[in-house]
PDB file of N, CA and C in Angstrom:
ATOM      1  N   UNK A   1      11.797 -52.006 -33.341  1.00  0.00           N
ATOM      2  CA  UNK A   1      12.848 -52.801 -34.031  1.00  0.00           C
ATOM      3  C   UNK A   1      13.400 -53.763 -32.999  1.00  0.00           C
ATOM      4  N   UNK A   2      13.790 -54.930 -33.463  1.00  0.00           N
ATOM      5  CA  UNK A   2      14.476 -55.888 -32.590  1.00  0.00           C
ATOM      6  C   UNK A   2      16.002 -55.610 -32.789  1.00  0.00           C
ATOM      7  N   UNK A   3      16.619 -55.430 -31.593  1.00  0.00           N
ATOM      8  CA  UNK A   3      18.040 -55.097 -31.559  1.00  0.00           C
ATOM      9  C   UNK A   3      18.810 -56.049 -30.752  1.00  0.00           C
ATOM     10  N   UNK A   4      19.922 -56.435 -31.238  1.00  0.00           N
ATOM     11  CA  UNK A   4      20.835 -57.437 -30.548  1.00  0.00           C
ATOM     12  C   UNK A   4      22.114 -56.694 -30.126  1.00  0.00           C
ATOM     13  N   UNK A   5      22.446 -56.672 -28.848  1.00  0.00           N
ATOM     14  CA  UNK A   5      23.643 -56.150 -28.309  1.00  0.00           C
ATOM     15  C   UNK A   5      24.743 -57.145 -28.244  1.00  0.00           C
ATOM     16  N   UNK A   6      25.951 -56.868 -28.827  1.00  0.00           N
ATOM     17  CA  UNK A   6      27.048 -57.787 -28.808  1.00  0.00           C
ATOM     18  C   UNK A   6      27.697 -57.874 -27.438  1.00  0.00           C
ATOM     19  N   UNK A   7      28.506 -58.899 -27.269  1.00  0.00           N
ATOM     20  CA  UNK A   7      29.369 -59.056 -26.075  1.00  0.00           C
ATOM     21  C   UNK A   7      30.174 -57.777 -25.853  1.00  0.00           C
ATOM     22  N   UNK A   8      30.420 -57.487 -24.703  1.00  0.00           N
ATOM     23  CA  UNK A   8      31.249 -56.276 -24.350  1.00  0.00           C
ATOM     24  C   UNK A   8      30.495 -54.973 -24.460  1.00  0.00           C
ATOM     25  N   UNK A   9      29.263 -54.997 -24.915  1.00  0.00           N
ATOM     26  CA  UNK A   9      28.504 -53.830 -24.924  1.00  0.00           C
ATOM     27  C   UNK A   9      28.007 -53.525 -23.513  1.00  0.00           C
ATOM     28  N   UNK A  10      28.265 -52.256 -23.040  1.00  0.00           N
ATOM     29  CA  UNK A  10      27.721 -51.919 -21.656  1.00  0.00           C
ATOM     30  C   UNK A  10      26.205 -52.060 -21.595  1.00  0.00           C
ATOM     31  N   UNK A  11      25.709 -52.743 -20.548  1.00  0.00           N
ATOM     32  CA  UNK A  11      24.274 -52.961 -20.437  1.00  0.00           C
ATOM     33  C   UNK A  11      23.419 -51.687 -20.334  1.00  0.00           C
ATOM     34  N   UNK A  12      24.039 -50.634 -20.022  1.00  0.00           N
ATOM     35  CA  UNK A  12      23.296 -49.314 -19.968  1.00  0.00           C
ATOM     36  C   UNK A  12      22.758 -48.908 -21.338  1.00  0.00           C
ATOM     37  N   UNK A  13      23.407 -49.355 -22.347  1.00  0.00           N
ATOM     38  CA  UNK A  13      22.964 -49.004 -23.780  1.00  0.00           C
ATOM     39  C   UNK A  13      21.473 -49.351 -24.031  1.00  0.00           C
ATOM     40  N   UNK A  14      21.096 -50.446 -23.401  1.00  0.00           N
ATOM     41  CA  UNK A  14      19.722 -50.943 -23.615  1.00  0.00           C
ATOM     42  C   UNK A  14      18.713 -49.884 -23.109  1.00  0.00           C
ATOM     43  N   UNK A  15      19.052 -49.154 -22.082  1.00  0.00           N
ATOM     44  CA  UNK A  15      18.120 -48.148 -21.535  1.00  0.00           C
ATOM     45  C   UNK A  15      17.865 -47.055 -22.559  1.00  0.00           C
ATOM     46  N   UNK A  16      18.852 -46.811 -23.419  1.00  0.00           N
ATOM     47  CA  UNK A  16      18.676 -45.700 -24.437  1.00  0.00           C
ATOM     48  C   UNK A  16      17.805 -46.133 -25.586  1.00  0.00           C
ATOM     49  N   UNK A  17      17.614 -47.447 -25.637  1.00  0.00           N
ATOM     50  CA  UNK A  17      16.754 -48.036 -26.744  1.00  0.00           C
ATOM     51  C   UNK A  17      15.457 -48.479 -26.339  1.00  0.00           C
ATOM     52  N   UNK A  18      14.798 -47.662 -25.414  1.00  0.00           N
ATOM     53  CA  UNK A  18      13.584 -48.112 -24.819  1.00  0.00           C
ATOM     54  C   UNK A  18      12.473 -48.291 -25.845  1.00  0.00           C
ATOM     55  N   UNK A  19      12.515 -47.692 -26.981  1.00  0.00           N
ATOM     56  CA  UNK A  19      11.434 -47.869 -27.991  1.00  0.00           C
ATOM     57  C   UNK A  19      11.640 -49.099 -28.847  1.00  0.00           C
ATOM     58  N   UNK A  20      12.644 -49.867 -28.526  1.00  0.00           N
ATOM     59  CA  UNK A  20      12.941 -51.079 -29.259  1.00  0.00           C
ATOM     60  C   UNK A  20      12.905 -52.323 -28.364  1.00  0.00           C
ATOM     61  N   UNK A  21      12.894 -53.506 -28.943  1.00  0.00           N
ATOM     62  CA  UNK A  21      13.060 -54.757 -28.244  1.00  0.00           C
ATOM     63  C   UNK A  21      14.506 -55.139 -28.307  1.00  0.00           C
ATOM     64  N   UNK A  22      15.158 -55.127 -27.137  1.00  0.00           N
ATOM     65  CA  UNK A  22      16.511 -55.265 -26.982  1.00  0.00           C
ATOM     66  C   UNK A  22      16.856 -56.594 -26.320  1.00  0.00           C
ATOM     67  N   UNK A  23      17.771 -57.307 -26.918  1.00  0.00           N
ATOM     68  CA  UNK A  23      18.323 -58.577 -26.224  1.00  0.00           C
ATOM     69  C   UNK A  23      19.907 -58.494 -26.302  1.00  0.00           C
ATOM     70  N   UNK A  24      20.506 -59.305 -25.534  1.00  0.00           N
ATOM     71  CA  UNK A  24      21.939 -59.416 -25.463  1.00  0.00           C
ATOM     72  C   UNK A  24      22.406 -60.770 -26.045  1.00  0.00           C
ATOM     73  N   UNK A  25      23.535 -60.679 -26.767  1.00  0.00           N
ATOM     74  CA  UNK A  25      24.158 -61.889 -27.266  1.00  0.00           C
ATOM     75  C   UNK A  25      24.294 -63.023 -26.144  1.00  0.00           C
ATOM     76  N   UNK A  26      24.836 -62.608 -25.021  1.00  0.00           N
ATOM     77  CA  UNK A  26      25.053 -63.559 -23.955  1.00  0.00           C
ATOM     78  C   UNK A  26      23.737 -64.169 -23.394  1.00  0.00           C
ATOM     79  N   UNK A  27      22.667 -63.363 -23.378  1.00  0.00           N
ATOM     80  CA  UNK A  27      21.322 -63.776 -22.958  1.00  0.00           C
ATOM     81  C   UNK A  27      20.746 -64.884 -23.863  1.00  0.00           C
ATOM     82  N   UNK A  28      21.119 -64.849 -25.137  1.00  0.00           N
ATOM     83  CA  UNK A  28      20.626 -65.779 -26.109  1.00  0.00           C
ATOM     84  C   UNK A  28      21.456 -67.058 -26.075  1.00  0.00           C
ATOM     85  N   UNK A  29      22.634 -66.961 -25.366  1.00  0.00           N
ATOM     86  CA  UNK A  29      23.552 -68.115 -25.409  1.00  0.00           C
ATOM     87  C   UNK A  29      24.392 -68.222 -26.630  1.00  0.00           C
ATOM     88  N   UNK A  30      24.566 -67.012 -27.266  1.00  0.00           N
ATOM     89  CA  UNK A  30      25.295 -66.977 -28.558  1.00  0.00           C
ATOM     90  C   UNK A  30      26.676 -66.401 -28.433  1.00  0.00           C
ATOM     91  N   UNK A  31      27.150 -66.202 -27.094  1.00  0.00           N
ATOM     92  CA  UNK A  31      28.390 -65.554 -26.900  1.00  0.00           C
ATOM     93  C   UNK A  31      29.638 -66.384 -27.382  1.00  0.00           C
ATOM     94  N   UNK A  32      29.488 -67.624 -27.844  1.00  0.00           N
ATOM     95  CA  UNK A  32      30.618 -68.290 -28.374  1.00  0.00           C
ATOM     96  C   UNK A  32      30.631 -68.299 -29.907  1.00  0.00           C
ATOM     97  N   UNK A  33      29.654 -67.715 -30.528  1.00  0.00           N
ATOM     98  CA  UNK A  33      29.569 -67.689 -31.973  1.00  0.00           C
ATOM     99  C   UNK A  33      30.520 -66.576 -32.550  1.00  0.00           C
ATOM    100  N   UNK A  34      31.112 -66.943 -33.736  1.00  0.00           N
ATOM    101  CA  UNK A  34      31.903 -65.946 -34.399  1.00  0.00           C
ATOM    102  C   UNK A  34      31.031 -64.935 -35.088  1.00  0.00           C
ATOM    103  N   UNK A  35      31.641 -63.941 -35.570  1.00  0.00           N
ATOM    104  CA  UNK A  35      30.765 -62.816 -36.214  1.00  0.00           C
ATOM    105  C   UNK A  35      29.838 -63.314 -37.349  1.00  0.00           C
ATOM    106  N   UNK A  36      30.333 -64.098 -38.373  1.00  0.00           N
ATOM    107  CA  UNK A  36      29.458 -64.554 -39.344  1.00  0.00           C
ATOM    108  C   UNK A  36      28.332 -65.449 -38.839  1.00  0.00           C
ATOM    109  N   UNK A  37      28.661 -66.356 -38.001  1.00  0.00           N
ATOM    110  CA  UNK A  37      27.620 -67.222 -37.437  1.00  0.00           C
ATOM    111  C   UNK A  37      26.679 -66.381 -36.569  1.00  0.00           C
ATOM    112  N   UNK A  38      27.196 -65.439 -35.926  1.00  0.00           N
ATOM    113  CA  UNK A  38      26.405 -64.594 -34.989  1.00  0.00           C
ATOM    114  C   UNK A  38      25.372 -63.790 -35.866  1.00  0.00           C
ATOM    115  N   UNK A  39      25.868 -63.198 -36.922  1.00  0.00           N
ATOM    116  CA  UNK A  39      24.953 -62.456 -37.851  1.00  0.00           C
ATOM    117  C   UNK A  39      23.898 -63.338 -38.429  1.00  0.00           C
ATOM    118  N   UNK A  40      24.311 -64.530 -38.819  1.00  0.00           N
ATOM    119  CA  UNK A  40      23.344 -65.514 -39.398  1.00  0.00           C
ATOM    120  C   UNK A  40      22.328 -65.853 -38.382  1.00  0.00           C
ATOM    121  N   UNK A  41      22.681 -66.126 -37.158  1.00  0.00           N
ATOM    122  CA  UNK A  41      21.714 -66.539 -36.080  1.00  0.00           C
ATOM    123  C   UNK A  41      20.790 -65.282 -35.753  1.00  0.00           C
ATOM    124  N   UNK A  42      21.361 -64.122 -35.751  1.00  0.00           N
ATOM    125  CA  UNK A  42      20.545 -62.968 -35.491  1.00  0.00           C
ATOM    126  C   UNK A  42      19.499 -62.734 -36.530  1.00  0.00           C
ATOM    127  N   UNK A  43      19.898 -62.875 -37.796  1.00  0.00           N
ATOM    128  CA  UNK A  43      19.000 -62.705 -38.935  1.00  0.00           C
ATOM    129  C   UNK A  43      17.836 -63.836 -38.807  1.00  0.00           C
ATOM    130  N   UNK A  44      18.218 -65.034 -38.593  1.00  0.00           N
ATOM    131  CA  UNK A  44      17.314 -66.131 -38.476  1.00  0.00           C
ATOM    132  C   UNK A  44      16.269 -65.863 -37.412  1.00  0.00           C
ATOM    133  N   UNK A  45      16.641 -65.289 -36.269  1.00  0.00           N
ATOM    134  CA  UNK A  45      15.818 -65.057 -35.156  1.00  0.00           C
ATOM    135  C   UNK A  45      15.033 -63.784 -35.303  1.00  0.00           C
ATOM    136  N   UNK A  46      15.259 -63.066 -36.454  1.00  0.00           N
ATOM    137  CA  UNK A  46      14.464 -61.882 -36.706  1.00  0.00           C
ATOM    138  C   UNK A  46      14.934 -60.511 -36.239  1.00  0.00           C
ATOM    139  N   UNK A  47      16.221 -60.519 -35.810  1.00  0.00           N
ATOM    140  CA  UNK A  47      16.755 -59.229 -35.382  1.00  0.00           C
ATOM    141  C   UNK A  47      16.949 -58.415 -36.542  1.00  0.00           C
ATOM    142  N   UNK A  48      16.805 -57.035 -36.325  1.00  0.00           N
ATOM    143  CA  UNK A  48      16.893 -56.067 -37.388  1.00  0.00           C
ATOM    144  C   UNK A  48      18.183 -55.302 -37.347  1.00  0.00           C
ATOM    145  N   UNK A  49      18.751 -55.122 -36.131  1.00  0.00           N
ATOM    146  CA  UNK A  49      19.921 -54.291 -35.853  1.00  0.00           C
ATOM    147  C   UNK A  49      20.853 -55.043 -34.918  1.00  0.00           C
ATOM    148  N   UNK A  50      22.105 -54.992 -35.261  1.00  0.00           N
ATOM    149  CA  UNK A  50      23.208 -55.560 -34.342  1.00  0.00           C
ATOM    150  C   UNK A  50      24.095 -54.433 -33.969  1.00  0.00           C
ATOM    151  N   UNK A  51      24.154 -54.241 -32.683  1.00  0.00           N
ATOM    152  CA  UNK A  51      25.047 -53.103 -32.105  1.00  0.00           C
ATOM    153  C   UNK A  51      26.309 -53.736 -31.503  1.00  0.00           C
ATOM    154  N   UNK A  52      27.472 -53.277 -31.949  1.00  0.00           N
ATOM    155  CA  UNK A  52      28.741 -53.871 -31.514  1.00  0.00           C
ATOM    156  C   UNK A  52      29.820 -52.706 -31.250  1.00  0.00           C
ATOM    157  N   UNK A  53      30.855 -53.051 -30.637  1.00  0.00           N
ATOM    158  CA  UNK A  53      31.965 -52.232 -30.473  1.00  0.00           C
ATOM    159  C   UNK A  53      33.160 -52.777 -31.351  1.00  0.00           C
ATOM    160  N   UNK A  54      32.887 -53.833 -32.098  1.00  0.00           N
ATOM    161  CA  UNK A  54      33.886 -54.461 -32.936  1.00  0.00           C
ATOM    162  C   UNK A  54      34.100 -53.648 -34.220  1.00  0.00           C
ATOM    163  N   UNK A  55      35.105 -52.774 -34.225  1.00  0.00           N
ATOM    164  CA  UNK A  55      35.318 -51.861 -35.355  1.00  0.00           C
ATOM    165  C   UNK A  55      35.822 -52.550 -36.587  1.00  0.00           C
ATOM    166  N   UNK A  56      36.317 -53.818 -36.459  1.00  0.00           N
ATOM    167  CA  UNK A  56      36.882 -54.607 -37.569  1.00  0.00           C
ATOM    168  C   UNK A  56      35.708 -55.279 -38.317  1.00  0.00           C
ATOM    169  N   UNK A  57      34.533 -55.304 -37.838  1.00  0.00           N
ATOM    170  CA  UNK A  57      33.465 -56.114 -38.485  1.00  0.00           C
ATOM    171  C   UNK A  57      33.228 -55.666 -39.912  1.00  0.00           C
ATOM    172  N   UNK A  58      33.523 -54.359 -40.214  1.00  0.00           N
ATOM    173  CA  UNK A  58      33.312 -53.899 -41.532  1.00  0.00           C
ATOM    174  C   UNK A  58      34.318 -54.564 -42.531  1.00  0.00           C
ATOM    175  N   UNK A  59      35.434 -54.949 -42.037  1.00  0.00           N
ATOM    176  CA  UNK A  59      36.448 -55.614 -42.872  1.00  0.00           C
ATOM    177  C   UNK A  59      36.318 -57.133 -42.889  1.00  0.00           C
ATOM    178  N   UNK A  60      35.682 -57.664 -41.851  1.00  0.00           N
ATOM    179  CA  UNK A  60      35.596 -59.094 -41.709  1.00  0.00           C
ATOM    180  C   UNK A  60      34.290 -59.710 -42.346  1.00  0.00           C
ATOM    181  N   UNK A  61      33.338 -58.867 -42.462  1.00  0.00           N
ATOM    182  CA  UNK A  61      31.971 -59.319 -42.899  1.00  0.00           C
ATOM    183  C   UNK A  61      31.462 -58.519 -44.077  1.00  0.00           C
ATOM    184  N   UNK A  62      30.879 -59.241 -45.044  1.00  0.00           N
ATOM    185  CA  UNK A  62      30.254 -58.541 -46.154  1.00  0.00           C
ATOM    186  C   UNK A  62      28.774 -58.351 -45.817  1.00  0.00           C
ATOM    187  N   UNK A  63      28.385 -57.172 -45.587  1.00  0.00           N
ATOM    188  CA  UNK A  63      27.023 -56.878 -45.192  1.00  0.00           C
ATOM    189  C   UNK A  63      26.020 -56.799 -46.358  1.00  0.00           C
ATOM    190  N   UNK A  64      26.502 -56.732 -47.535  1.00  0.00           N
ATOM    191  CA  UNK A  64      25.665 -56.665 -48.738  1.00  0.00           C
ATOM    192  C   UNK A  64      24.713 -57.819 -48.714  1.00  0.00           C
ATOM    193  N   UNK A  65      23.367 -57.493 -48.888  1.00  0.00           N
ATOM    194  CA  UNK A  65      22.388 -58.594 -48.899  1.00  0.00           C
ATOM    195  C   UNK A  65      21.959 -59.094 -47.547  1.00  0.00           C
ATOM    196  N   UNK A  66      22.568 -58.550 -46.460  1.00  0.00           N
ATOM    197  CA  UNK A  66      22.156 -58.967 -45.104  1.00  0.00           C
ATOM    198  C   UNK A  66      20.761 -58.382 -44.837  1.00  0.00           C
ATOM    199  N   UNK A  67      20.012 -59.130 -43.920  1.00  0.00           N
ATOM    200  CA  UNK A  67      18.730 -58.748 -43.532  1.00  0.00           C
ATOM    201  C   UNK A  67      18.721 -57.775 -42.363  1.00  0.00           C
ATOM    202  N   UNK A  68      19.938 -57.564 -41.784  1.00  0.00           N
ATOM    203  CA  UNK A  68      19.935 -56.711 -40.627  1.00  0.00           C
ATOM    204  C   UNK A  68      21.031 -55.630 -40.843  1.00  0.00           C
ATOM    205  N   UNK A  69      20.917 -54.576 -40.063  1.00  0.00           N
ATOM    206  CA  UNK A  69      21.865 -53.459 -40.098  1.00  0.00           C
ATOM    207  C   UNK A  69      22.900 -53.669 -38.907  1.00  0.00           C
ATOM    208  N   UNK A  70      24.001 -53.025 -39.136  1.00  0.00           N
ATOM    209  CA  UNK A  70      25.003 -53.060 -37.990  1.00  0.00           C
ATOM    210  C   UNK A  70      25.344 -51.624 -37.543  1.00  0.00           C
ATOM    211  N   UNK A  71      25.330 -51.461 -36.288  1.00  0.00           N
ATOM    212  CA  UNK A  71      25.733 -50.175 -35.756  1.00  0.00           C
ATOM    213  C   UNK A  71      26.984 -50.387 -34.884  1.00  0.00           C
ATOM    214  N   UNK A  72      28.043 -49.693 -35.189  1.00  0.00           N
ATOM    215  CA  UNK A  72      29.394 -49.912 -34.527  1.00  0.00           C
ATOM    216  C   UNK A  72      29.659 -48.638 -33.659  1.00  0.00           C
ATOM    217  N   UNK A  73      29.945 -48.909 -32.406  1.00  0.00           N
ATOM    218  CA  UNK A  73      30.380 -47.878 -31.513  1.00  0.00           C
ATOM    219  C   UNK A  73      31.945 -47.902 -31.448  1.00  0.00           C
ATOM    220  N   UNK A  74      32.597 -46.747 -31.526  1.00  0.00           N
ATOM    221  CA  UNK A  74      33.984 -46.730 -31.585  1.00  0.00           C
ATOM    222  C   UNK A  74      34.698 -46.876 -30.188  1.00  0.00           C
ATOM    223  N   UNK A  75      33.911 -47.130 -29.136  1.00  0.00           N
ATOM    224  CA  UNK A  75      34.485 -47.334 -27.816  1.00  0.00           C
ATOM    225  C   UNK A  75      33.538 -48.261 -27.053  1.00  0.00           C
ATOM    226  N   UNK A  76      34.115 -48.978 -26.096  1.00  0.00           N
ATOM    227  CA  UNK A  76      33.327 -49.874 -25.231  1.00  0.00           C
ATOM    228  C   UNK A  76      33.279 -49.385 -23.768  1.00  0.00           C
ATOM    229  N   UNK A  77      33.861 -48.177 -23.566  1.00  0.00           N
ATOM    230  CA  UNK A  77      33.872 -47.647 -22.182  1.00  0.00           C
ATOM    231  C   UNK A  77      32.620 -46.948 -21.894  1.00  0.00           C
ATOM    232  N   UNK A  78      31.912 -47.452 -20.868  1.00  0.00           N
ATOM    233  CA  UNK A  78      30.570 -46.876 -20.460  1.00  0.00           C
ATOM    234  C   UNK A  78      30.655 -45.382 -20.142  1.00  0.00           C
ATOM    235  N   UNK A  79      31.770 -44.930 -19.489  1.00  0.00           N
ATOM    236  CA  UNK A  79      31.916 -43.553 -19.164  1.00  0.00           C
ATOM    237  C   UNK A  79      31.758 -42.689 -20.474  1.00  0.00           C
ATOM    238  N   UNK A  80      32.290 -43.110 -21.461  1.00  0.00           N
ATOM    239  CA  UNK A  80      32.311 -42.374 -22.776  1.00  0.00           C
ATOM    240  C   UNK A  80      30.968 -42.610 -23.488  1.00  0.00           C
ATOM    241  N   UNK A  81      30.534 -43.849 -23.521  1.00  0.00           N
ATOM    242  CA  UNK A  81      29.253 -44.199 -24.229  1.00  0.00           C
ATOM    243  C   UNK A  81      28.101 -43.501 -23.607  1.00  0.00           C
ATOM    244  N   UNK A  82      28.111 -43.417 -22.300  1.00  0.00           N
ATOM    245  CA  UNK A  82      26.887 -42.848 -21.633  1.00  0.00           C
ATOM    246  C   UNK A  82      26.652 -41.418 -22.009  1.00  0.00           C
ATOM    247  N   UNK A  83      27.644 -40.760 -22.540  1.00  0.00           N
ATOM    248  CA  UNK A  83      27.453 -39.286 -22.969  1.00  0.00           C
ATOM    249  C   UNK A  83      26.815 -39.312 -24.345  1.00  0.00           C
ATOM    250  N   UNK A  84      26.823 -40.376 -25.095  1.00  0.00           N
ATOM    251  CA  UNK A  84      26.340 -40.356 -26.483  1.00  0.00           C
ATOM    252  C   UNK A  84      25.098 -41.288 -26.669  1.00  0.00           C
ATOM    253  N   UNK A  85      24.319 -41.593 -25.649  1.00  0.00           N
ATOM    254  CA  UNK A  85      23.224 -42.436 -25.782  1.00  0.00           C
ATOM    255  C   UNK A  85      22.124 -41.990 -26.749  1.00  0.00           C
ATOM    256  N   UNK A  86      21.860 -40.701 -26.777  1.00  0.00           N
ATOM    257  CA  UNK A  86      20.886 -40.240 -27.726  1.00  0.00           C
ATOM    258  C   UNK A  86      21.380 -40.435 -29.175  1.00  0.00           C
ATOM    259  N   UNK A  87      22.686 -40.228 -29.466  1.00  0.00           N
ATOM    260  CA  UNK A  87      23.219 -40.509 -30.831  1.00  0.00           C
ATOM    261  C   UNK A  87      23.129 -41.935 -31.108  1.00  0.00           C
ATOM    262  N   UNK A  88      23.425 -42.853 -30.144  1.00  0.00           N
ATOM    263  CA  UNK A  88      23.289 -44.297 -30.430  1.00  0.00           C
ATOM    264  C   UNK A  88      21.872 -44.693 -30.691  1.00  0.00           C
ATOM    265  N   UNK A  89      20.915 -44.148 -29.959  1.00  0.00           N
ATOM    266  CA  UNK A  89      19.470 -44.450 -30.233  1.00  0.00           C
ATOM    267  C   UNK A  89      19.084 -43.909 -31.628  1.00  0.00           C
ATOM    268  N   UNK A  90      19.597 -42.712 -32.024  1.00  0.00           N
ATOM    269  CA  UNK A  90      19.226 -42.235 -33.394  1.00  0.00           C
ATOM    270  C   UNK A  90      19.854 -43.073 -34.428  1.00  0.00           C
ATOM    271  N   UNK A  91      21.063 -43.597 -34.245  1.00  0.00           N
ATOM    272  CA  UNK A  91      21.688 -44.474 -35.203  1.00  0.00           C
ATOM    273  C   UNK A  91      20.917 -45.742 -35.361  1.00  0.00           C
ATOM    274  N   UNK A  92      20.447 -46.366 -34.282  1.00  0.00           N
ATOM    275  CA  UNK A  92      19.651 -47.548 -34.338  1.00  0.00           C
ATOM    276  C   UNK A  92      18.390 -47.343 -35.023  1.00  0.00           C
ATOM    277  N   UNK A  93      17.688 -46.268 -34.714  1.00  0.00           N
ATOM    278  CA  UNK A  93      16.395 -45.926 -35.353  1.00  0.00           C
ATOM    279  C   UNK A  93      16.590 -45.707 -36.890  1.00  0.00           C
ATOM    280  N   UNK A  94      17.743 -45.079 -37.218  1.00  0.00           N
ATOM    281  CA  UNK A  94      17.990 -44.803 -38.696  1.00  0.00           C
ATOM    282  C   UNK A  94      18.586 -45.987 -39.451  1.00  0.00           C
ATOM    283  N   UNK A  95      19.002 -47.065 -38.757  1.00  0.00           N
ATOM    284  CA  UNK A  95      19.715 -48.129 -39.359  1.00  0.00           C
ATOM    285  C   UNK A  95      18.839 -48.826 -40.502  1.00  0.00           C
ATOM    286  N   UNK A  96      19.473 -49.153 -41.551  1.00  0.00           N
ATOM    287  CA  UNK A  96      18.886 -49.839 -42.725  1.00  0.00           C
ATOM    288  C   UNK A  96      19.523 -51.200 -42.959  1.00  0.00           C
ATOM    289  N   UNK A  97      18.763 -52.149 -43.274  1.00  0.00           N
ATOM    290  CA  UNK A  97      19.308 -53.533 -43.637  1.00  0.00           C
ATOM    291  C   UNK A  97      20.533 -53.481 -44.552  1.00  0.00           C
ATOM    292  N   UNK A  98      21.518 -54.243 -44.268  1.00  0.00           N
ATOM    293  CA  UNK A  98      22.685 -54.425 -45.091  1.00  0.00           C
ATOM    294  C   UNK A  98      23.663 -53.156 -45.020  1.00  0.00           C
ATOM    295  N   UNK A  99      23.327 -52.267 -44.145  1.00  0.00           N
ATOM    296  CA  UNK A  99      24.243 -51.092 -43.937  1.00  0.00           C
ATOM    297  C   UNK A  99      24.949 -51.083 -42.647  1.00  0.00           C
ATOM    298  N   UNK A 100      26.095 -50.430 -42.599  1.00  0.00           N
ATOM    299  CA  UNK A 100      26.803 -50.246 -41.347  1.00  0.00           C
ATOM    300  C   UNK A 100      26.793 -48.798 -41.073  1.00  0.00           C
ATOM    301  N   UNK A 101      26.420 -48.383 -39.822  1.00  0.00           N
ATOM    302  CA  UNK A 101      26.462 -47.079 -39.338  1.00  0.00           C
ATOM    303  C   UNK A 101      27.484 -47.042 -38.119  1.00  0.00           C
ATOM    304  N   UNK A 102      28.337 -45.994 -38.102  1.00  0.00           N
ATOM    305  CA  UNK A 102      29.306 -45.907 -37.003  1.00  0.00           C
ATOM    306  C   UNK A 102      28.906 -44.725 -36.125  1.00  0.00           C
ATOM    307  N   UNK A 103      29.051 -44.934 -34.804  1.00  0.00           N
ATOM    308  CA  UNK A 103      28.802 -43.824 -33.926  1.00  0.00           C
ATOM    309  C   UNK A 103      30.095 -43.543 -33.288  1.00  0.00           C
ATOM    310  N   UNK A 104      30.631 -42.404 -33.641  1.00  0.00           N
ATOM    311  CA  UNK A 104      31.959 -41.963 -33.065  1.00  0.00           C
ATOM    312  C   UNK A 104      31.807 -41.624 -31.574  1.00  0.00           C
ATOM    313  N   UNK A 105      32.539 -42.275 -30.663  1.00  0.00           N
ATOM    314  CA  UNK A 105      32.553 -42.036 -29.298  1.00  0.00           C
ATOM    315  C   UNK A 105      33.896 -41.372 -28.914  1.00  0.00           C
ATOM    316  N   UNK A 106      33.914 -40.057 -28.830  1.00  0.00           N
ATOM    317  CA  UNK A 106      35.145 -39.345 -28.466  1.00  0.00           C
ATOM    318  C   UNK A 106      35.816 -39.815 -27.221  1.00  0.00           C
ATOM    319  N   UNK A 107      37.042 -39.762 -27.130  1.00  0.00           N
ATOM    320  CA  UNK A 107      37.775 -40.257 -25.921  1.00  0.00           C
ATOM    321  C   UNK A 107      38.053 -39.129 -24.944  1.00  0.00           C
ATOM    322  N   UNK A 108      37.415 -37.988 -25.062  1.00  0.00           N
ATOM    323  CA  UNK A 108      37.668 -36.885 -24.196  1.00  0.00           C
ATOM    324  C   UNK A 108      37.087 -37.029 -22.842  1.00  0.00           C
TER     325      UNK A 108
END
C-alpha cells in the first residue's frame, strides 16, 4: 500500500510500515496544504492511506467517497507511539478507502 505520513508524525513510524511504500507530506512539498487540499493531492498521487495525529480531521473532512483511508493516532509523542508500532501497522494494513481508523495511544 502507498502510505502518506502527515506533518508532525514521528519519522520512526515509517519503520513499522516496512511492507508498504511510505512517504512524508514534507518530502512531497505538501506541508503547506490544508487538510482537504492535502487529501485531494494524496488521492491524485495514488496514496491509499493517510496517517495523521490530527484528531479533528474526522470533524473537518467528509471521508465518504474518498479513495483513501485515514488512520488517526491519538498522540504525536514518539515515546508513546513507539510502544504501539505493531498496532499502527495493523491499522494501516486493515485500512479501507473512505474509512477512518483510530489507534489509541495511551498516555501511560
